[in-house]
PDB file of N, CA and C in Angstrom:
ATOM      1  N   MET A   1     -11.359 -15.870 -28.447  1.00  0.00           N
ATOM      2  CA  MET A   1     -12.548 -16.640 -28.128  1.00  0.00           C
ATOM      3  C   MET A   1     -13.373 -15.877 -27.100  1.00  0.00           C
ATOM      4  N   THR A   2     -14.658 -15.866 -27.290  1.00  0.00           N
ATOM      5  CA  THR A   2     -15.545 -15.214 -26.342  1.00  0.00           C
ATOM      6  C   THR A   2     -16.014 -16.244 -25.320  1.00  0.00           C
ATOM      7  N   VAL A   3     -15.712 -15.971 -24.082  1.00  0.00           N
ATOM      8  CA  VAL A   3     -16.109 -16.854 -22.983  1.00  0.00           C
ATOM      9  C   VAL A   3     -17.036 -16.057 -22.083  1.00  0.00           C
ATOM     10  N   SER A   4     -18.240 -16.568 -21.874  1.00  0.00           N
ATOM     11  CA  SER A   4     -19.196 -15.854 -21.032  1.00  0.00           C
ATOM     12  C   SER A   4     -18.796 -15.979 -19.564  1.00  0.00           C
ATOM     13  N   GLU A   5     -19.421 -15.151 -18.770  1.00  0.00           N
ATOM     14  CA  GLU A   5     -19.151 -15.186 -17.327  1.00  0.00           C
ATOM     15  C   GLU A   5     -19.530 -16.544 -16.739  1.00  0.00           C
ATOM     16  N   GLU A   6     -20.641 -17.123 -17.225  1.00  0.00           N
ATOM     17  CA  GLU A   6     -21.082 -18.425 -16.733  1.00  0.00           C
ATOM     18  C   GLU A   6     -20.081 -19.520 -17.116  1.00  0.00           C
ATOM     19  N   GLN A   7     -19.567 -19.470 -18.350  1.00  0.00           N
ATOM     20  CA  GLN A   7     -18.573 -20.452 -18.781  1.00  0.00           C
ATOM     21  C   GLN A   7     -17.301 -20.332 -17.951  1.00  0.00           C
ATOM     22  N   PHE A   8     -16.917 -19.102 -17.628  1.00  0.00           N
ATOM     23  CA  PHE A   8     -15.735 -18.887 -16.794  1.00  0.00           C
ATOM     24  C   PHE A   8     -15.949 -19.494 -15.409  1.00  0.00           C
ATOM     25  N   GLN A   9     -17.126 -19.265 -14.828  1.00  0.00           N
ATOM     26  CA  GLN A   9     -17.421 -19.811 -13.504  1.00  0.00           C
ATOM     27  C   GLN A   9     -17.432 -21.337 -13.525  1.00  0.00           C
ATOM     28  N   GLN A  10     -17.941 -21.928 -14.603  1.00  0.00           N
ATOM     29  CA  GLN A  10     -17.912 -23.386 -14.733  1.00  0.00           C
ATOM     30  C   GLN A  10     -16.477 -23.892 -14.833  1.00  0.00           C
ATOM     31  N   TRP A  11     -15.639 -23.177 -15.586  1.00  0.00           N
ATOM     32  CA  TRP A  11     -14.228 -23.547 -15.727  1.00  0.00           C
ATOM     33  C   TRP A  11     -13.538 -23.535 -14.364  1.00  0.00           C
ATOM     34  N   VAL A  12     -13.822 -22.505 -13.555  1.00  0.00           N
ATOM     35  CA  VAL A  12     -13.224 -22.416 -12.218  1.00  0.00           C
ATOM     36  C   VAL A  12     -13.756 -23.532 -11.319  1.00  0.00           C
ATOM     37  N   SER A  13     -15.055 -23.795 -11.385  1.00  0.00           N
ATOM     38  CA  SER A  13     -15.626 -24.820 -10.499  1.00  0.00           C
ATOM     39  C   SER A  13     -15.126 -26.220 -10.845  1.00  0.00           C
ATOM     40  N   ARG A  14     -14.742 -26.462 -12.101  1.00  0.00           N
ATOM     41  CA  ARG A  14     -14.183 -27.761 -12.499  1.00  0.00           C
ATOM     42  C   ARG A  14     -12.732 -27.915 -12.051  1.00  0.00           C
ATOM     43  N   ARG A  15     -12.107 -26.801 -11.646  1.00  0.00           N
ATOM     44  CA  ARG A  15     -10.707 -26.812 -11.206  1.00  0.00           C
ATOM     45  C   ARG A  15      -9.802 -27.355 -12.311  1.00  0.00           C
ATOM     46  N   SER A  16     -10.051 -26.900 -13.529  1.00  0.00           N
ATOM     47  CA  SER A  16      -9.312 -27.380 -14.697  1.00  0.00           C
ATOM     48  C   SER A  16      -7.850 -26.960 -14.630  1.00  0.00           C
ATOM     49  N   ASN A  17      -6.974 -27.872 -15.037  1.00  0.00           N
ATOM     50  CA  ASN A  17      -5.544 -27.558 -15.118  1.00  0.00           C
ATOM     51  C   ASN A  17      -5.190 -26.883 -16.434  1.00  0.00           C
ATOM     52  N   LEU A  18      -6.127 -26.912 -17.370  1.00  0.00           N
ATOM     53  CA  LEU A  18      -5.884 -26.303 -18.675  1.00  0.00           C
ATOM     54  C   LEU A  18      -6.141 -24.803 -18.613  1.00  0.00           C
ATOM     55  N   PRO A  19      -5.330 -24.007 -19.299  1.00  0.00           N
ATOM     56  CA  PRO A  19      -5.562 -22.565 -19.320  1.00  0.00           C
ATOM     57  C   PRO A  19      -6.800 -22.231 -20.152  1.00  0.00           C
ATOM     58  N   LEU A  20      -7.397 -21.092 -19.844  1.00  0.00           N
ATOM     59  CA  LEU A  20      -8.582 -20.620 -20.552  1.00  0.00           C
ATOM     60  C   LEU A  20      -8.230 -19.332 -21.277  1.00  0.00           C
ATOM     61  N   GLY A  21      -8.558 -19.246 -22.541  1.00  0.00           N
ATOM     62  CA  GLY A  21      -8.287 -18.042 -23.321  1.00  0.00           C
ATOM     63  C   GLY A  21      -9.521 -17.171 -23.398  1.00  0.00           C
ATOM     64  N   VAL A  22      -9.372 -15.900 -23.013  1.00  0.00           N
ATOM     65  CA  VAL A  22     -10.472 -14.942 -23.085  1.00  0.00           C
ATOM     66  C   VAL A  22      -9.963 -13.692 -23.788  1.00  0.00           C
ATOM     67  N   LYS A  23     -10.440 -13.467 -25.004  1.00  0.00           N
ATOM     68  CA  LYS A  23     -10.108 -12.265 -25.774  1.00  0.00           C
ATOM     69  C   LYS A  23      -8.599 -12.011 -25.834  1.00  0.00           C
ATOM     70  N   GLY A  24      -7.828 -13.054 -26.072  1.00  0.00           N
ATOM     71  CA  GLY A  24      -6.389 -12.913 -26.223  1.00  0.00           C
ATOM     72  C   GLY A  24      -5.596 -12.943 -24.923  1.00  0.00           C
ATOM     73  N   HIS A  25      -6.249 -13.161 -23.805  1.00  0.00           N
ATOM     74  CA  HIS A  25      -5.586 -13.237 -22.505  1.00  0.00           C
ATOM     75  C   HIS A  25      -5.712 -14.658 -21.967  1.00  0.00           C
ATOM     76  N   THR A  26      -4.685 -15.130 -21.277  1.00  0.00           N
ATOM     77  CA  THR A  26      -4.647 -16.497 -20.760  1.00  0.00           C
ATOM     78  C   THR A  26      -4.939 -16.504 -19.264  1.00  0.00           C
ATOM     79  N   PHE A  27      -5.968 -17.243 -18.873  1.00  0.00           N
ATOM     80  CA  PHE A  27      -6.365 -17.394 -17.477  1.00  0.00           C
ATOM     81  C   PHE A  27      -5.937 -18.782 -17.018  1.00  0.00           C
ATOM     82  N   VAL A  28      -5.228 -18.849 -15.880  1.00  0.00           N
ATOM     83  CA  VAL A  28      -4.758 -20.122 -15.329  1.00  0.00           C
ATOM     84  C   VAL A  28      -5.104 -20.143 -13.843  1.00  0.00           C
ATOM     85  N   LEU A  29      -5.661 -21.272 -13.375  1.00  0.00           N
ATOM     86  CA  LEU A  29      -5.982 -21.415 -11.949  1.00  0.00           C
ATOM     87  C   LEU A  29      -4.724 -21.737 -11.157  1.00  0.00           C
ATOM     88  N   LYS A  30      -4.512 -21.008 -10.074  1.00  0.00           N
ATOM     89  CA  LYS A  30      -3.396 -21.256  -9.157  1.00  0.00           C
ATOM     90  C   LYS A  30      -3.938 -21.128  -7.746  1.00  0.00           C
ATOM     91  N   GLY A  31      -4.042 -22.217  -7.050  1.00  0.00           N
ATOM     92  CA  GLY A  31      -4.518 -22.162  -5.671  1.00  0.00           C
ATOM     93  C   GLY A  31      -6.033 -22.113  -5.591  1.00  0.00           C
ATOM     94  N   ASP A  32      -6.522 -21.863  -4.369  1.00  0.00           N
ATOM     95  CA  ASP A  32      -7.960 -21.907  -4.116  1.00  0.00           C
ATOM     96  C   ASP A  32      -8.711 -20.733  -4.730  1.00  0.00           C
ATOM     97  N   ASN A  33      -8.229 -19.520  -4.512  1.00  0.00           N
ATOM     98  CA  ASN A  33      -8.976 -18.339  -4.912  1.00  0.00           C
ATOM     99  C   ASN A  33      -8.134 -17.439  -5.816  1.00  0.00           C
ATOM    100  N   VAL A  34      -7.129 -18.009  -6.476  1.00  0.00           N
ATOM    101  CA  VAL A  34      -6.203 -17.205  -7.278  1.00  0.00           C
ATOM    102  C   VAL A  34      -6.275 -17.632  -8.744  1.00  0.00           C
ATOM    103  N   VAL A  35      -6.429 -16.626  -9.602  1.00  0.00           N
ATOM    104  CA  VAL A  35      -6.413 -16.845 -11.044  1.00  0.00           C
ATOM    105  C   VAL A  35      -5.292 -15.980 -11.607  1.00  0.00           C
ATOM    106  N   VAL A  36      -4.383 -16.585 -12.345  1.00  0.00           N
ATOM    107  CA  VAL A  36      -3.276 -15.850 -12.953  1.00  0.00           C
ATOM    108  C   VAL A  36      -3.680 -15.503 -14.385  1.00  0.00           C
ATOM    109  N   VAL A  37      -3.630 -14.212 -14.692  1.00  0.00           N
ATOM    110  CA  VAL A  37      -3.989 -13.730 -16.022  1.00  0.00           C
ATOM    111  C   VAL A  37      -2.752 -13.102 -16.641  1.00  0.00           C
ATOM    112  N   ASP A  38      -2.214 -13.722 -17.670  1.00  0.00           N
ATOM    113  CA  ASP A  38      -1.008 -13.235 -18.357  1.00  0.00           C
ATOM    114  C   ASP A  38       0.123 -12.924 -17.380  1.00  0.00           C
ATOM    115  N   GLY A  39       0.251 -13.738 -16.340  1.00  0.00           N
ATOM    116  CA  GLY A  39       1.337 -13.578 -15.382  1.00  0.00           C
ATOM    117  C   GLY A  39       0.994 -12.732 -14.168  1.00  0.00           C
ATOM    118  N   GLY A  40      -0.153 -12.073 -14.157  1.00  0.00           N
ATOM    119  CA  GLY A  40      -0.570 -11.261 -13.015  1.00  0.00           C
ATOM    120  C   GLY A  40      -1.603 -12.003 -12.181  1.00  0.00           C
ATOM    121  N   LYS A  41      -1.449 -11.955 -10.861  1.00  0.00           N
ATOM    122  CA  LYS A  41      -2.346 -12.696  -9.972  1.00  0.00           C
ATOM    123  C   LYS A  41      -3.580 -11.866  -9.626  1.00  0.00           C
ATOM    124  N   PHE A  42      -4.749 -12.505  -9.722  1.00  0.00           N
ATOM    125  CA  PHE A  42      -6.030 -11.895  -9.386  1.00  0.00           C
ATOM    126  C   PHE A  42      -6.807 -12.837  -8.485  1.00  0.00           C
ATOM    127  N   VAL A  43      -7.566 -12.286  -7.556  1.00  0.00           N
ATOM    128  CA  VAL A  43      -8.492 -13.118  -6.788  1.00  0.00           C
ATOM    129  C   VAL A  43      -9.672 -13.430  -7.699  1.00  0.00           C
ATOM    130  N   TYR A  44     -10.435 -14.430  -7.334  1.00  0.00           N
ATOM    131  CA  TYR A  44     -11.521 -14.914  -8.182  1.00  0.00           C
ATOM    132  C   TYR A  44     -12.491 -13.801  -8.581  1.00  0.00           C
ATOM    133  N   GLU A  45     -12.896 -12.977  -7.626  1.00  0.00           N
ATOM    134  CA  GLU A  45     -13.873 -11.916  -7.907  1.00  0.00           C
ATOM    135  C   GLU A  45     -13.337 -10.931  -8.945  1.00  0.00           C
ATOM    136  N   ASP A  46     -12.055 -10.586  -8.845  1.00  0.00           N
ATOM    137  CA  ASP A  46     -11.450  -9.680  -9.831  1.00  0.00           C
ATOM    138  C   ASP A  46     -11.349 -10.344 -11.199  1.00  0.00           C
ATOM    139  N   ALA A  47     -11.095 -11.644 -11.225  1.00  0.00           N
ATOM    140  CA  ALA A  47     -11.009 -12.363 -12.498  1.00  0.00           C
ATOM    141  C   ALA A  47     -12.374 -12.405 -13.178  1.00  0.00           C
ATOM    142  N   VAL A  48     -13.433 -12.589 -12.410  1.00  0.00           N
ATOM    143  CA  VAL A  48     -14.787 -12.562 -12.975  1.00  0.00           C
ATOM    144  C   VAL A  48     -15.072 -11.177 -13.552  1.00  0.00           C
ATOM    145  N   ARG A  49     -14.663 -10.147 -12.835  1.00  0.00           N
ATOM    146  CA  ARG A  49     -14.860  -8.770 -13.326  1.00  0.00           C
ATOM    147  C   ARG A  49     -14.066  -8.549 -14.619  1.00  0.00           C
ATOM    148  N   LEU A  50     -12.857  -9.097 -14.703  1.00  0.00           N
ATOM    149  CA  LEU A  50     -12.062  -8.985 -15.924  1.00  0.00           C
ATOM    150  C   LEU A  50     -12.776  -9.637 -17.103  1.00  0.00           C
ATOM    151  N   VAL A  51     -13.331 -10.809 -16.892  1.00  0.00           N
ATOM    152  CA  VAL A  51     -14.058 -11.497 -17.965  1.00  0.00           C
ATOM    153  C   VAL A  51     -15.233 -10.638 -18.418  1.00  0.00           C
ATOM    154  N   ARG A  52     -15.944 -10.059 -17.460  1.00  0.00           N
ATOM    155  CA  ARG A  52     -17.084  -9.198 -17.786  1.00  0.00           C
ATOM    156  C   ARG A  52     -16.632  -7.980 -18.596  1.00  0.00           C
ATOM    157  N   LEU A  53     -15.526  -7.349 -18.179  1.00  0.00           N
ATOM    158  CA  LEU A  53     -15.024  -6.167 -18.886  1.00  0.00           C
ATOM    159  C   LEU A  53     -14.484  -6.529 -20.270  1.00  0.00           C
ATOM    160  N   LEU A  54     -13.778  -7.649 -20.374  1.00  0.00           N
ATOM    161  CA  LEU A  54     -13.232  -8.049 -21.666  1.00  0.00           C
ATOM    162  C   LEU A  54     -14.326  -8.392 -22.668  1.00  0.00           C
ATOM    163  N   ASN A  55     -15.452  -8.920 -22.198  1.00  0.00           N
ATOM    164  CA  ASN A  55     -16.555  -9.280 -23.084  1.00  0.00           C
ATOM    165  C   ASN A  55     -17.502  -8.120 -23.354  1.00  0.00           C
ATOM    166  N   SER A  56     -17.284  -6.992 -22.722  1.00  0.00           N
ATOM    167  CA  SER A  56     -18.151  -5.839 -22.894  1.00  0.00           C
ATOM    168  C   SER A  56     -18.051  -5.290 -24.315  1.00  0.00           C
ATOM    169  N   ARG A  57     -19.128  -4.711 -24.788  1.00  0.00           N
ATOM    170  CA  ARG A  57     -19.109  -4.049 -26.094  1.00  0.00           C
ATOM    171  C   ARG A  57     -18.467  -2.672 -26.008  1.00  0.00           C
ATOM    172  N   ASN A  58     -18.382  -2.134 -24.805  1.00  0.00           N
ATOM    173  CA  ASN A  58     -17.796  -0.814 -24.592  1.00  0.00           C
ATOM    174  C   ASN A  58     -16.271  -0.913 -24.702  1.00  0.00           C
ATOM    175  N   PRO A  59     -15.669  -0.208 -25.669  1.00  0.00           N
ATOM    176  CA  PRO A  59     -14.213  -0.314 -25.823  1.00  0.00           C
ATOM    177  C   PRO A  59     -13.442   0.230 -24.621  1.00  0.00           C
ATOM    178  N   PHE A  60     -14.021   1.177 -23.879  1.00  0.00           N
ATOM    179  CA  PHE A  60     -13.347   1.706 -22.692  1.00  0.00           C
ATOM    180  C   PHE A  60     -13.262   0.647 -21.601  1.00  0.00           C
ATOM    181  N   ASP A  61     -14.283  -0.195 -21.491  1.00  0.00           N
ATOM    182  CA  ASP A  61     -14.231  -1.304 -20.530  1.00  0.00           C
ATOM    183  C   ASP A  61     -13.144  -2.300 -20.913  1.00  0.00           C
ATOM    184  N   GLN A  62     -13.027  -2.593 -22.209  1.00  0.00           N
ATOM    185  CA  GLN A  62     -11.999  -3.521 -22.677  1.00  0.00           C
ATOM    186  C   GLN A  62     -10.601  -2.964 -22.427  1.00  0.00           C
ATOM    187  N   ILE A  63     -10.417  -1.668 -22.670  1.00  0.00           N
ATOM    188  CA  ILE A  63      -9.117  -1.029 -22.412  1.00  0.00           C
ATOM    189  C   ILE A  63      -8.821  -1.030 -20.919  1.00  0.00           C
ATOM    190  N   SER A  64      -9.845  -0.774 -20.115  1.00  0.00           N
ATOM    191  CA  SER A  64      -9.678  -0.787 -18.662  1.00  0.00           C
ATOM    192  C   SER A  64      -9.212  -2.163 -18.183  1.00  0.00           C
ATOM    193  N   ALA A  65      -9.805  -3.219 -18.725  1.00  0.00           N
ATOM    194  CA  ALA A  65      -9.406  -4.578 -18.359  1.00  0.00           C
ATOM    195  C   ALA A  65      -7.964  -4.843 -18.777  1.00  0.00           C
ATOM    196  N   SER A  66      -7.595  -4.397 -19.964  1.00  0.00           N
ATOM    197  CA  SER A  66      -6.215  -4.595 -20.426  1.00  0.00           C
ATOM    198  C   SER A  66      -5.225  -3.853 -19.543  1.00  0.00           C
ATOM    199  N   PHE A  67      -5.584  -2.643 -19.095  1.00  0.00           N
ATOM    200  CA  PHE A  67      -4.708  -1.906 -18.183  1.00  0.00           C
ATOM    201  C   PHE A  67      -4.603  -2.596 -16.828  1.00  0.00           C
ATOM    202  N   MET A  68      -5.703  -3.165 -16.347  1.00  0.00           N
ATOM    203  CA  MET A  68      -5.660  -3.893 -15.077  1.00  0.00           C
ATOM    204  C   MET A  68      -4.706  -5.077 -15.176  1.00  0.00           C
ATOM    205  N   ILE A  69      -4.763  -5.792 -16.291  1.00  0.00           N
ATOM    206  CA  ILE A  69      -3.891  -6.948 -16.491  1.00  0.00           C
ATOM    207  C   ILE A  69      -2.437  -6.498 -16.601  1.00  0.00           C
ATOM    208  N   ALA A  70      -2.192  -5.439 -17.379  1.00  0.00           N
ATOM    209  CA  ALA A  70      -0.829  -4.940 -17.552  1.00  0.00           C
ATOM    210  C   ALA A  70      -0.249  -4.432 -16.229  1.00  0.00           C
ATOM    211  N   GLU A  71      -1.108  -3.848 -15.399  1.00  0.00           N
ATOM    212  CA  GLU A  71      -0.647  -3.357 -14.097  1.00  0.00           C
ATOM    213  C   GLU A  71      -0.229  -4.513 -13.191  1.00  0.00           C
ATOM    214  N   ARG A  72      -1.017  -5.577 -13.171  1.00  0.00           N
ATOM    215  CA  ARG A  72      -0.727  -6.711 -12.289  1.00  0.00           C
ATOM    216  C   ARG A  72       0.478  -7.521 -12.741  1.00  0.00           C
ATOM    217  N   ASN A  73       0.700  -7.625 -14.067  1.00  0.00           N
ATOM    218  CA  ASN A  73       1.816  -8.457 -14.512  1.00  0.00           C
ATOM    219  C   ASN A  73       3.104  -7.674 -14.703  1.00  0.00           C
ATOM    220  N   GLY A  74       3.101  -6.386 -14.400  1.00  0.00           N
ATOM    221  CA  GLY A  74       4.319  -5.593 -14.421  1.00  0.00           C
ATOM    222  C   GLY A  74       4.621  -4.915 -15.739  1.00  0.00           C
ATOM    223  N   ALA A  75       3.851  -5.174 -16.766  1.00  0.00           N
ATOM    224  CA  ALA A  75       4.112  -4.568 -18.078  1.00  0.00           C
ATOM    225  C   ALA A  75       3.872  -3.065 -18.045  1.00  0.00           C
ATOM    226  N   LEU A  76       2.852  -2.626 -17.332  1.00  0.00           N
ATOM    227  CA  LEU A  76       2.551  -1.192 -17.262  1.00  0.00           C
ATOM    228  C   LEU A  76       3.685  -0.431 -16.578  1.00  0.00           C
ATOM    229  N   ARG A  77       4.240  -1.007 -15.531  1.00  0.00           N
ATOM    230  CA  ARG A  77       5.361  -0.380 -14.836  1.00  0.00           C
ATOM    231  C   ARG A  77       6.555  -0.232 -15.781  1.00  0.00           C
ATOM    232  N   PHE A  78       6.826  -1.272 -16.567  1.00  0.00           N
ATOM    233  CA  PHE A  78       7.923  -1.239 -17.526  1.00  0.00           C
ATOM    234  C   PHE A  78       7.688  -0.152 -18.578  1.00  0.00           C
ATOM    235  N   ILE A  79       6.472  -0.045 -19.083  1.00  0.00           N
ATOM    236  CA  ILE A  79       6.150   0.966 -20.095  1.00  0.00           C
ATOM    237  C   ILE A  79       6.331   2.369 -19.527  1.00  0.00           C
ATOM    238  N   VAL A  80       5.875   2.598 -18.315  1.00  0.00           N
ATOM    239  CA  VAL A  80       6.011   3.917 -17.688  1.00  0.00           C
ATOM    240  C   VAL A  80       7.482   4.261 -17.466  1.00  0.00           C
ATOM    241  N   LEU A  81       8.271   3.302 -16.999  1.00  0.00           N
ATOM    242  CA  LEU A  81       9.699   3.545 -16.793  1.00  0.00           C
ATOM    243  C   LEU A  81      10.413   3.809 -18.117  1.00  0.00           C
ATOM    244  N   ALA A  82      10.052   3.087 -19.168  1.00  0.00           N
ATOM    245  CA  ALA A  82      10.668   3.308 -20.479  1.00  0.00           C
ATOM    246  C   ALA A  82      10.320   4.697 -21.013  1.00  0.00           C
ATOM    247  N   LEU A  83       9.067   5.099 -20.863  1.00  0.00           N
ATOM    248  CA  LEU A  83       8.672   6.445 -21.310  1.00  0.00           C
ATOM    249  C   LEU A  83       9.385   7.529 -20.506  1.00  0.00           C
ATOM    250  N   ALA A  84       9.537   7.320 -19.213  1.00  0.00           N
ATOM    251  CA  ALA A  84      10.248   8.289 -18.380  1.00  0.00           C
ATOM    252  C   ALA A  84      11.706   8.402 -18.812  1.00  0.00           C
ATOM    253  N   ALA A  85      12.325   7.278 -19.136  1.00  0.00           N
ATOM    254  CA  ALA A  85      13.714   7.294 -19.591  1.00  0.00           C
ATOM    255  C   ALA A  85      13.841   8.027 -20.927  1.00  0.00           C
ATOM    256  N   ILE A  86      12.907   7.806 -21.832  1.00  0.00           N
ATOM    257  CA  ILE A  86      12.936   8.497 -23.123  1.00  0.00           C
ATOM    258  C   ILE A  86      12.764   9.994 -22.943  1.00  0.00           C
ATOM    259  N   ILE A  87      11.845  10.397 -22.089  1.00  0.00           N
ATOM    260  CA  ILE A  87      11.633  11.828 -21.825  1.00  0.00           C
ATOM    261  C   ILE A  87      12.880  12.441 -21.206  1.00  0.00           C
ATOM    262  N   LEU A  88      13.518  11.730 -20.292  1.00  0.00           N
ATOM    263  CA  LEU A  88      14.737  12.220 -19.658  1.00  0.00           C
ATOM    264  C   LEU A  88      15.855  12.384 -20.689  1.00  0.00           C
ATOM    265  N   ILE A  89      16.014  11.417 -21.565  1.00  0.00           N
ATOM    266  CA  ILE A  89      17.052  11.506 -22.601  1.00  0.00           C
ATOM    267  C   ILE A  89      16.781  12.680 -23.538  1.00  0.00           C
ATOM    268  N   VAL A  90      15.531  12.867 -23.937  1.00  0.00           N
ATOM    269  CA  VAL A  90      15.174  13.996 -24.814  1.00  0.00           C
ATOM    270  C   VAL A  90      15.442  15.312 -24.106  1.00  0.00           C
ATOM    271  N   ALA A  91      15.109  15.396 -22.825  1.00  0.00           N
ATOM    272  CA  ALA A  91      15.340  16.629 -22.073  1.00  0.00           C
ATOM    273  C   ALA A  91      16.837  16.937 -21.970  1.00  0.00           C
ATOM    274  N   ILE A  92      17.653  15.925 -21.742  1.00  0.00           N
ATOM    275  CA  ILE A  92      19.097  16.116 -21.651  1.00  0.00           C
ATOM    276  C   ILE A  92      19.664  16.555 -22.994  1.00  0.00           C
ATOM    277  N   VAL A  93      19.206  15.930 -24.075  1.00  0.00           N
ATOM    278  CA  VAL A  93      19.681  16.295 -25.416  1.00  0.00           C
ATOM    279  C   VAL A  93      19.306  17.734 -25.744  1.00  0.00           C
ATOM    280  N   LEU A  94      18.092  18.132 -25.411  1.00  0.00           N
ATOM    281  CA  LEU A  94      17.658  19.506 -25.674  1.00  0.00           C
ATOM    282  C   LEU A  94      18.402  20.512 -24.787  1.00  0.00           C
ATOM    283  N   ALA A  95      18.711  20.129 -23.564  1.00  0.00           N
ATOM    284  CA  ALA A  95      19.422  21.025 -22.657  1.00  0.00           C
ATOM    285  C   ALA A  95      20.869  21.225 -23.099  1.00  0.00           C
ATOM    286  N   VAL A  96      21.478  20.196 -23.666  1.00  0.00           N
ATOM    287  CA  VAL A  96      22.868  20.303 -24.132  1.00  0.00           C
ATOM    288  C   VAL A  96      22.966  21.229 -25.342  1.00  0.00           C
ATOM    289  N   ARG A  97      21.987  21.247 -26.175  1.00  0.00           N
ATOM    290  CA  ARG A  97      22.001  22.114 -27.366  1.00  0.00           C
ATOM    291  C   ARG A  97      21.862  23.509 -26.896  1.00  0.00           C
TER     292      ARG A  97
END
């Protein structure tokens, strides 16, 4: 669902308990100035920027927003650690041969 920046601001000002879906990501209000996006905590200003980036026509902006979300919710850290482990295993296998 495409949610404009104005619609997002209205959702925040209503203090809705219902989650908001923006381009496949779930936004939930927690506290006064905190918005949780897919498990990662963002301050209001960063959440508005995420909505702007996710709604952008520029695919690099959309990817940037997805990386910001993945970084905050810990998924990016997990992916980097998994890739490092795979590289280490490949290096050990090649060294043994």
